[in-house]
Amino acid sequence: MGIKRVGFSGGVGYNKIITEYLQQFTKRIGLEFLMHERIAPGDAGISAGQLFYAGGR
């Protein structure tokens, strides 16, 4: 089975250099890079992720 996707969020998501590096790195090692597009990458994104996770349980 193994890991196939990597999710990325948090305040560091505002840093374009780090985000682009992680995208390239995950692609290079065969993983899918996931990052939200409609929710801000900072605390709002983390809070939204917690709500989605809790709602799915």
Protein backbone atom coordinates (compact mmCIF):
# COMPACT_ATOMS: atom_id res chain seq x y z
CA MET A 1 0.00 0.00 0.00
CA GLY A 2 2.38 2.76 1.21
CA ILE A 3 2.18 6.52 1.02
CA LYS A 4 1.07 7.94 -2.33
CA ARG A 5 0.18 11.54 -1.47
CA VAL A 6 1.63 14.33 0.65
CA GLY A 7 -0.60 17.12 1.99
CA PHE A 8 0.85 20.56 2.71
CA SER A 9 -0.68 23.40 4.72
CA GLY A 10 0.09 25.93 7.43
CA GLY A 11 1.73 29.33 7.45
CA VAL A 12 4.81 28.08 5.63
CA GLY A 13 2.50 27.58 2.62
CA TYR A 14 2.78 31.33 2.06
CA ASN A 15 6.46 30.84 1.26
CA LYS A 16 6.57 30.34 -2.51
CA ILE A 17 10.15 29.02 -2.55
CA ILE A 18 9.49 26.28 0.02
CA THR A 19 6.16 25.33 -1.55
CA GLU A 20 7.63 25.02 -5.06
CA TYR A 21 10.59 23.01 -3.74
CA LEU A 22 8.30 20.56 -1.95
CA GLN A 23 6.13 20.21 -5.06
CA GLN A 24 9.16 19.37 -7.19
CA PHE A 25 10.67 17.05 -4.58
CA THR A 26 7.51 15.02 -4.01
CA LYS A 27 6.99 14.67 -7.77
CA ARG A 28 10.62 13.55 -8.21
CA ILE A 29 10.22 10.76 -5.63
CA GLY A 30 6.88 9.64 -7.08
CA LEU A 31 4.39 11.17 -4.66
CA GLU A 32 1.40 13.36 -5.37
CA PHE A 33 1.60 16.83 -3.76
CA LEU A 34 -1.69 18.10 -2.35
CA MET A 35 -2.29 21.70 -1.32
CA HIS A 36 -5.58 23.52 -0.99
CA GLU A 37 -6.42 26.27 -3.42
CA ARG A 38 -9.57 27.86 -2.02
CA ILE A 39 -8.55 28.19 1.63
CA ALA A 40 -5.63 30.28 2.90
CA PRO A 41 -2.54 28.24 3.83
CA GLY A 42 -2.21 29.78 7.32
CA ASP A 43 -4.25 29.12 10.45
CA ALA A 44 -7.55 29.31 8.55
CA GLY A 45 -6.48 26.37 6.42
CA ILE A 46 -5.46 24.30 9.43
CA SER A 47 -8.77 25.05 11.15
CA ALA A 48 -10.72 24.11 8.02
CA GLY A 49 -8.75 20.87 7.75
CA GLN A 50 -9.57 20.01 11.35
CA LEU A 51 -13.25 20.63 10.68
CA PHE A 52 -13.26 18.44 7.56
CA TYR A 53 -11.43 15.67 9.42
CA ALA A 54 -13.78 15.81 12.40
CA GLY A 55 -16.82 15.93 10.12
CA GLY A 56 -15.70 12.79 8.32
CA ARG A 57 -15.42 10.73 11.50
